[in-house]
Each structure stands twice: as C-alpha cells, then as structure tokens.
Protein backbone atom coordinates (compact mmCIF):
# COMPACT_ATOMS: atom_id res chain seq x y z
CA MET A 1 38.47 54.23 16.60
CA LYS A 2 41.89 54.96 14.79
CA GLU A 3 41.87 56.27 11.41
CA THR A 4 42.64 54.27 8.57
CA GLU A 5 44.72 55.59 5.46
CA LYS A 6 43.51 56.66 1.67
CA HIS A 7 44.38 54.18 -0.99
CA TYR A 8 44.86 55.22 -4.12
CA ARG A 9 44.27 53.63 -7.37
CA ILE A 10 47.23 53.41 -10.00
CA GLY A 11 45.11 56.39 -11.99
CA ASP A 12 43.91 58.56 -9.22
CA PHE A 13 47.62 58.35 -7.33
CA ALA A 14 49.28 59.10 -11.30
CA GLU A 15 47.29 62.07 -11.28
CA MET A 16 48.03 63.04 -8.17
CA THR A 17 51.56 62.57 -8.15
CA GLY A 18 51.63 64.48 -12.04
CA LEU A 19 53.04 60.81 -12.91
CA THR A 20 51.42 58.70 -15.88
CA SER A 21 50.45 54.96 -14.80
CA PRO A 22 53.01 53.33 -17.48
CA THR A 23 55.67 55.54 -15.48
CA LEU A 24 54.61 54.31 -12.21
CA ARG A 25 54.48 51.05 -13.46
CA TYR A 26 58.05 51.25 -14.85
CA TYR A 27 59.72 53.01 -11.52
CA GLU A 28 57.51 49.77 -10.18
CA LYS A 29 59.15 47.28 -11.99
CA GLU A 30 63.33 49.51 -11.13
CA GLY A 31 62.25 48.85 -7.47
CA LEU A 32 61.87 52.94 -7.23
CA VAL A 33 58.00 52.76 -5.98
CA LYS A 34 56.67 49.84 -3.43
CA PRO A 35 52.60 49.35 -4.30
CA HIS A 36 50.33 47.85 -1.56
CA ARG A 37 47.84 45.25 -3.47
CA SER A 38 44.45 43.93 -1.73
CA GLU A 39 43.43 40.65 -1.76
CA ASN A 40 42.48 40.33 -5.04
CA GLY A 41 46.19 41.86 -6.32
CA LEU A 42 45.22 45.37 -7.29
CA ARG A 43 47.67 47.51 -6.99
CA TYR A 44 47.49 51.48 -4.67
CA TYR A 45 49.55 53.72 -3.42
CA THR A 46 48.44 55.91 -0.01
CA ASP A 47 49.73 59.02 1.24
CA SER A 48 53.08 58.36 2.48
CA ASP A 49 53.15 56.99 -1.16
CA VAL A 50 52.79 60.66 -2.58
CA ASP A 51 55.77 61.90 -0.42
CA TRP A 52 57.97 58.92 -1.51
CA ILE A 53 57.42 60.20 -5.69
CA LYS A 54 57.99 63.03 -4.94
CA PHE A 55 61.21 62.47 -2.78
CA LEU A 56 61.94 60.77 -6.09
CA LEU A 57 61.23 63.16 -8.39
CA HIS A 58 63.48 65.67 -6.45
CA LEU A 59 66.46 63.80 -6.64
CA LYS A 60 65.45 63.20 -10.49
CA SER A 61 65.03 66.45 -10.85
CA THR A 62 68.82 67.28 -10.36
CA GLY A 63 69.42 65.32 -13.03
CA MET A 64 70.22 61.69 -11.12
CA SER A 65 70.10 59.07 -13.53
CA ILE A 66 67.32 56.19 -13.16
CA GLU A 67 70.51 54.36 -12.04
CA GLN A 68 71.51 56.56 -9.31
CA LEU A 69 67.79 56.60 -7.52
CA LYS A 70 68.09 53.09 -7.64
CA LYS A 71 71.17 52.73 -6.08
CA TYR A 72 70.09 55.96 -3.13
CA VAL A 73 66.99 53.41 -2.62
CA GLU A 74 69.34 50.73 -1.98
CA TRP A 75 71.31 52.33 0.00
CA ARG A 76 68.76 54.12 1.97
CA ALA A 77 67.16 50.99 2.98
CA GLU A 78 70.30 49.84 4.02
CA GLY A 79 70.57 52.25 6.96
CA ASP A 80 73.11 54.12 8.38
CA SER A 81 76.11 52.30 7.55
CA THR A 82 75.49 53.24 4.17
CA ILE A 83 75.49 57.56 4.63
CA GLY A 84 78.90 57.36 3.27
CA LYS A 85 77.52 55.68 0.00
CA ARG A 86 75.03 58.44 -0.38
CA LEU A 87 76.47 61.21 0.37
CA ASP A 88 79.69 60.41 -2.54
CA LEU A 89 76.51 59.31 -4.65
CA LEU A 90 74.83 62.79 -3.97
CA LYS A 91 78.53 65.05 -4.58
CA LYS A 92 79.41 63.39 -8.20
CA VAL A 93 75.35 64.49 -8.86
CA ARG A 94 76.01 67.67 -7.66
CA ASN A 95 79.70 68.45 -9.36
CA ASP A 96 77.11 67.07 -12.77
CA PHE A 97 74.64 69.13 -12.31
CA LEU A 98 77.22 72.51 -11.47
CA LYS A 99 78.85 70.68 -14.98
CA LYS A 100 75.58 70.82 -16.76
CA MET A 101 74.93 74.69 -15.28
CA ASP A 102 78.02 76.02 -16.73
CA ASP A 103 77.12 74.88 -19.92
CA LEU A 104 73.66 75.71 -20.12
CA GLU A 105 75.31 79.87 -19.04
CA HIS A 106 78.18 79.52 -21.80
CA SER A 107 74.65 78.36 -24.19
CA MET A 108 72.25 81.88 -22.97
CA THR A 109 75.33 84.28 -23.46
CA ILE A 110 75.92 82.66 -26.86
CA LEU A 111 71.75 83.28 -27.40
CA ASN A 112 72.15 87.05 -25.98
CA ASP A 113 74.65 88.07 -27.99
CA LYS A 114 73.16 86.30 -31.35
CA ILE A 115 69.27 88.07 -29.98
CA ASP A 116 71.55 91.55 -29.16
CA TRP A 117 73.39 91.60 -32.82
CA TYR A 118 70.27 91.03 -34.43
CA ALA A 119 68.06 93.88 -32.16
CA GLY A 120 70.83 95.79 -33.32
CA LYS A 121 70.15 94.93 -37.10
CA ASP A 122 66.94 95.62 -36.41
CA SER A 123 67.08 99.04 -35.29
CA GLY A 124 70.08 99.93 -37.19
CA GLU A 125 72.35 100.07 -34.76
CA ILE A 126 74.90 97.74 -36.04
CA LYS A 127 76.08 98.68 -39.85
CA ASP A 128 74.05 96.17 -42.26
CA SER A 129 77.65 95.11 -43.27
CA GLU A 130 79.00 94.77 -40.14
CA GLU A 131 79.37 90.72 -39.31
CA PHE A 132 78.61 88.80 -36.29
CA SER A 133 82.33 88.60 -35.37
CA THR A 134 82.93 91.76 -35.99
CA TYR A 135 80.44 92.50 -33.34
CA LEU A 136 81.29 90.40 -30.86
CA LYS A 137 84.94 91.77 -31.11
CA ASN A 138 83.81 95.71 -30.74
CA MET A 139 81.78 94.37 -27.88
CA ASN A 140 84.48 92.60 -25.80
CA HIS A 141 86.53 95.20 -26.48
CA ALA A 142 83.92 97.56 -25.16
CA GLU A 143 84.21 96.11 -21.88
C-alpha cells in the first residue's frame, strides 16, 4: 500500500517554514511557490514544498531580491539550458554580498573604535581632554 504525502493547510505550513500566511500568499502571487489545490479549491502544501521554501529562504538570505529569485526560479524551471544565466546571477549576488560584507566590516571597525574610546575614557586610560580624533591618530601610530 502506497503512503500518501501529508498535506498542510496554509497556517500550519506558515508555522513550519517560519513565514506568515500573507508572505506565503505574496510568494504565490510572485510565482515563487505553487501550492496544491484540493477539490474544493483550498490551498495546501506538502513536505516537498517545505524543502522548496527552505531553498528559497537560503537564496534570499544571500541578499537575492524577489525579482532575482523570480528569475532564478523561472530559469530553473526551464532546465539546463539556463545554467549559464543562473551562474551569472549567482555571481552577481555573490559580488553584491561581498560588498555588503565589506561595508559591515567597516561599520564594525568604527563601532569597535568608538567602544574602545569610551571604555578608555571610562577607565581613565584616556585623558578627559583627549578627543576621539586624537585617540584614533594615536592608535594608528601605535600599530
């Protein structure tokens, strides 16, 4: 006897994927997910849909926009003839991601410098009259 695949209503599926029902409907409208329909027209999802959503969320976490996700999904559905397009898209997403990482690292450096300065002021290691710009200059010469 063949075991049938389990069906999930949108609320249960949303909870399983960490998304909201409105987000799932939006993804459906954008063509990113295609729920199944019961005989009476109610949408339902399966375990393979959970895996698909996890895959989409993985791509989205890289900074891929909804438009890029839509293109990727479209090209993936077209098959191997679009591998070059998908590769180019993924390389662009990677380059954008690396730029964002560089920006975040720069911001973290500024934040750490400011924290170090305030910690030095708080502990008395930095004189009351010392300005932050002087602290940075002294710190850069110490290296």
